[in-house]
Amino acid sequence: MEITIDPIIHHGTSFGPLLEKIKTAVAPYDLVRQGNLLRIEGVSHASSGLKKASVAERQAHAAKVQLLKHYPDTEISIKKE
């Protein structure tokens, strides 16, 4: 199963509507026959004012380190956009 989420969240907006949309758009999981996690992909965003401090890169690296602790056999890719 592949799930792609492309949220647009504005400052001060609740995540409630996004979560409700996900719940209604995604079919229930079959927890009886659970497969292996194959890949994790994500994008780390930071404002242009934080570019010199490499904030997005540091966020991405920190996320990868934490994810590898829990999913050591999973491909985790980091790419710049």
N, C-alpha and C. Protein backbone atom coordinates (compact mmCIF):
# COMPACT_ATOMS: atom_id res chain seq x y z
N MET A 1 0.85 -1.16 0.00
CA MET A 1 0.00 0.00 0.00
C MET A 1 0.90 1.22 0.00
N GLU A 2 0.58 2.18 -0.79
CA GLU A 2 1.32 3.43 -0.83
C GLU A 2 0.36 4.56 -0.52
N ILE A 3 0.74 5.40 0.43
CA ILE A 3 -0.08 6.54 0.82
C ILE A 3 0.72 7.80 0.54
N THR A 4 0.16 8.72 -0.19
CA THR A 4 0.80 10.00 -0.45
C THR A 4 -0.05 11.08 0.18
N ILE A 5 0.57 11.89 1.00
CA ILE A 5 -0.13 12.98 1.67
C ILE A 5 0.53 14.27 1.24
N ASP A 6 -0.26 15.19 0.73
CA ASP A 6 0.26 16.47 0.29
C ASP A 6 -0.54 17.57 0.98
N PRO A 7 -0.33 17.74 2.30
CA PRO A 7 -1.16 18.70 3.04
C PRO A 7 -0.72 20.14 2.80
N ILE A 8 -1.67 21.02 2.89
CA ILE A 8 -1.38 22.46 2.90
C ILE A 8 -1.94 22.95 4.23
N ILE A 9 -1.06 23.21 5.15
CA ILE A 9 -1.45 23.65 6.49
C ILE A 9 -0.99 25.09 6.66
N HIS A 10 -1.88 25.96 7.02
CA HIS A 10 -1.55 27.36 7.23
C HIS A 10 -1.38 27.62 8.72
N HIS A 11 -0.57 28.59 9.05
CA HIS A 11 -0.30 28.94 10.44
C HIS A 11 -1.63 29.12 11.19
N GLY A 12 -1.74 28.47 12.32
CA GLY A 12 -2.94 28.58 13.13
C GLY A 12 -4.04 27.61 12.75
N THR A 13 -3.80 26.78 11.75
CA THR A 13 -4.81 25.82 11.30
C THR A 13 -4.64 24.51 12.06
N SER A 14 -5.74 23.89 12.38
CA SER A 14 -5.74 22.61 13.08
C SER A 14 -5.46 21.46 12.12
N PHE A 15 -4.88 20.38 12.63
CA PHE A 15 -4.64 19.19 11.83
C PHE A 15 -5.89 18.31 11.75
N GLY A 16 -6.93 18.64 12.49
CA GLY A 16 -8.14 17.83 12.53
C GLY A 16 -8.75 17.54 11.17
N PRO A 17 -8.98 18.57 10.33
CA PRO A 17 -9.55 18.32 9.01
C PRO A 17 -8.66 17.43 8.13
N LEU A 18 -7.35 17.60 8.23
CA LEU A 18 -6.43 16.76 7.46
C LEU A 18 -6.54 15.31 7.91
N LEU A 19 -6.53 15.08 9.21
CA LEU A 19 -6.64 13.71 9.73
C LEU A 19 -7.95 13.07 9.31
N GLU A 20 -9.04 13.83 9.35
CA GLU A 20 -10.35 13.30 8.94
C GLU A 20 -10.34 12.93 7.46
N LYS A 21 -9.71 13.75 6.63
CA LYS A 21 -9.62 13.47 5.20
C LYS A 21 -8.84 12.18 4.96
N ILE A 22 -7.76 11.98 5.71
CA ILE A 22 -6.95 10.76 5.57
C ILE A 22 -7.78 9.54 5.98
N LYS A 23 -8.49 9.65 7.09
CA LYS A 23 -9.29 8.52 7.58
C LYS A 23 -10.35 8.10 6.57
N THR A 24 -10.95 9.05 5.88
CA THR A 24 -12.02 8.71 4.92
C THR A 24 -11.46 8.30 3.56
N ALA A 25 -10.24 8.71 3.23
CA ALA A 25 -9.68 8.42 1.91
C ALA A 25 -8.91 7.11 1.85
N VAL A 26 -8.47 6.61 2.99
CA VAL A 26 -7.62 5.42 3.02
C VAL A 26 -8.45 4.22 3.48
N ALA A 27 -8.35 3.13 2.73
CA ALA A 27 -9.06 1.90 3.11
C ALA A 27 -8.47 1.37 4.42
N PRO A 28 -9.27 0.67 5.22
CA PRO A 28 -8.76 0.12 6.48
C PRO A 28 -7.59 -0.85 6.23
N TYR A 29 -6.67 -0.85 7.13
CA TYR A 29 -5.52 -1.75 7.03
C TYR A 29 -5.93 -3.18 7.37
N ASP A 30 -5.28 -4.13 6.74
CA ASP A 30 -5.47 -5.54 7.06
C ASP A 30 -4.38 -5.91 8.07
N LEU A 31 -4.71 -5.83 9.35
CA LEU A 31 -3.71 -6.07 10.39
C LEU A 31 -3.44 -7.55 10.63
N VAL A 32 -4.23 -8.41 10.01
CA VAL A 32 -4.00 -9.84 10.15
C VAL A 32 -2.78 -10.26 9.32
N ARG A 33 -2.64 -9.69 8.14
CA ARG A 33 -1.53 -10.02 7.25
C ARG A 33 -0.65 -8.79 7.06
N GLN A 34 0.12 -8.48 8.07
CA GLN A 34 0.96 -7.29 8.00
C GLN A 34 2.23 -7.58 7.21
N GLY A 35 2.54 -6.73 6.27
CA GLY A 35 3.75 -6.90 5.47
C GLY A 35 4.92 -6.15 6.07
N ASN A 36 6.01 -6.10 5.32
CA ASN A 36 7.21 -5.40 5.77
C ASN A 36 7.20 -3.97 5.25
N LEU A 37 7.73 -3.08 6.06
CA LEU A 37 7.90 -1.70 5.64
C LEU A 37 9.05 -1.67 4.65
N LEU A 38 8.81 -1.17 3.46
CA LEU A 38 9.81 -1.19 2.40
C LEU A 38 10.61 0.09 2.29
N ARG A 39 9.94 1.22 2.47
CA ARG A 39 10.61 2.49 2.20
C ARG A 39 9.92 3.60 2.97
N ILE A 40 10.69 4.58 3.39
CA ILE A 40 10.15 5.79 3.99
C ILE A 40 10.72 6.96 3.21
N GLU A 41 9.84 7.85 2.77
CA GLU A 41 10.27 9.05 2.06
C GLU A 41 9.64 10.25 2.73
N GLY A 42 10.33 11.35 2.72
CA GLY A 42 9.78 12.57 3.29
C GLY A 42 10.51 13.78 2.77
N VAL A 43 9.93 14.93 3.05
CA VAL A 43 10.54 16.19 2.66
C VAL A 43 10.56 17.08 3.88
N SER A 44 11.70 17.68 4.14
CA SER A 44 11.84 18.62 5.24
C SER A 44 11.90 20.02 4.66
N HIS A 45 11.01 20.87 5.11
CA HIS A 45 10.94 22.24 4.60
C HIS A 45 11.38 23.22 5.69
N ALA A 46 12.01 24.29 5.29
CA ALA A 46 12.33 25.39 6.19
C ALA A 46 12.25 26.68 5.37
N SER A 47 12.02 27.77 6.04
CA SER A 47 11.90 29.05 5.33
C SER A 47 13.23 29.44 4.71
N SER A 48 13.16 30.30 3.73
CA SER A 48 14.38 30.74 3.03
C SER A 48 15.34 31.45 3.99
N GLY A 49 14.82 32.05 5.04
CA GLY A 49 15.67 32.72 6.02
C GLY A 49 16.52 31.76 6.82
N LEU A 50 16.14 30.48 6.83
CA LEU A 50 16.89 29.47 7.58
C LEU A 50 17.81 28.64 6.69
N LYS A 51 17.89 28.99 5.42
CA LYS A 51 18.66 28.21 4.46
C LYS A 51 20.15 28.16 4.83
N LYS A 52 20.72 29.31 5.22
CA LYS A 52 22.15 29.35 5.56
C LYS A 52 22.47 28.44 6.75
N ALA A 53 21.53 28.28 7.66
CA ALA A 53 21.75 27.45 8.83
C ALA A 53 21.50 25.97 8.55
N SER A 54 21.17 25.63 7.31
CA SER A 54 20.92 24.24 6.89
C SER A 54 19.88 23.55 7.78
N VAL A 55 18.84 24.27 8.14
CA VAL A 55 17.82 23.73 9.04
C VAL A 55 17.12 22.52 8.43
N ALA A 56 16.69 22.61 7.18
CA ALA A 56 15.98 21.49 6.55
C ALA A 56 16.88 20.26 6.48
N GLU A 57 18.15 20.45 6.17
CA GLU A 57 19.08 19.32 6.08
C GLU A 57 19.28 18.67 7.45
N ARG A 58 19.40 19.51 8.49
CA ARG A 58 19.58 18.96 9.84
C ARG A 58 18.32 18.23 10.31
N GLN A 59 17.14 18.77 9.98
CA GLN A 59 15.89 18.09 10.32
C GLN A 59 15.82 16.73 9.64
N ALA A 60 16.15 16.70 8.35
CA ALA A 60 16.09 15.46 7.59
C ALA A 60 17.06 14.43 8.15
N HIS A 61 18.27 14.86 8.47
CA HIS A 61 19.26 13.93 9.03
C HIS A 61 18.80 13.39 10.39
N ALA A 62 18.28 14.26 11.25
CA ALA A 62 17.81 13.83 12.57
C ALA A 62 16.65 12.84 12.43
N ALA A 63 15.76 13.09 11.48
CA ALA A 63 14.64 12.17 11.27
C ALA A 63 15.15 10.81 10.80
N LYS A 64 16.12 10.82 9.90
CA LYS A 64 16.66 9.56 9.39
C LYS A 64 17.31 8.75 10.51
N VAL A 65 18.07 9.41 11.37
CA VAL A 65 18.72 8.72 12.49
C VAL A 65 17.68 8.06 13.38
N GLN A 66 16.61 8.78 13.73
CA GLN A 66 15.57 8.22 14.59
C GLN A 66 14.83 7.08 13.91
N LEU A 67 14.50 7.24 12.63
CA LEU A 67 13.79 6.19 11.91
C LEU A 67 14.62 4.92 11.78
N LEU A 68 15.93 5.07 11.54
CA LEU A 68 16.79 3.89 11.42
C LEU A 68 16.90 3.12 12.74
N LYS A 69 16.73 3.80 13.86
CA LYS A 69 16.73 3.10 15.16
C LYS A 69 15.56 2.12 15.24
N HIS A 70 14.42 2.52 14.69
CA HIS A 70 13.21 1.70 14.77
C HIS A 70 13.00 0.79 13.56
N TYR A 71 13.54 1.19 12.41
CA TYR A 71 13.36 0.44 11.17
C TYR A 71 14.71 0.27 10.48
N PRO A 72 15.62 -0.52 11.07
CA PRO A 72 16.98 -0.61 10.53
C PRO A 72 17.09 -1.23 9.15
N ASP A 73 16.13 -2.01 8.73
CA ASP A 73 16.20 -2.69 7.43
C ASP A 73 15.37 -1.99 6.36
N THR A 74 15.02 -0.74 6.60
CA THR A 74 14.17 0.00 5.68
C THR A 74 14.97 1.05 4.92
N GLU A 75 14.70 1.18 3.63
CA GLU A 75 15.35 2.21 2.83
C GLU A 75 14.77 3.57 3.21
N ILE A 76 15.63 4.49 3.56
CA ILE A 76 15.20 5.85 3.90
C ILE A 76 15.98 6.80 3.01
N SER A 77 15.26 7.55 2.18
CA SER A 77 15.97 8.44 1.25
C SER A 77 15.75 9.89 1.65
N ILE A 78 16.80 10.66 1.45
CA ILE A 78 16.75 12.11 1.68
C ILE A 78 17.15 12.76 0.38
N LYS A 79 16.31 13.64 -0.12
CA LYS A 79 16.69 14.34 -1.35
C LYS A 79 16.35 15.81 -1.22
N LYS A 80 17.11 16.62 -1.91
CA LYS A 80 16.90 18.06 -1.89
C LYS A 80 15.94 18.42 -3.00
N GLU A 81 15.08 19.39 -2.75
CA GLU A 81 14.17 19.88 -3.76
C GLU A 81 14.33 21.37 -3.92
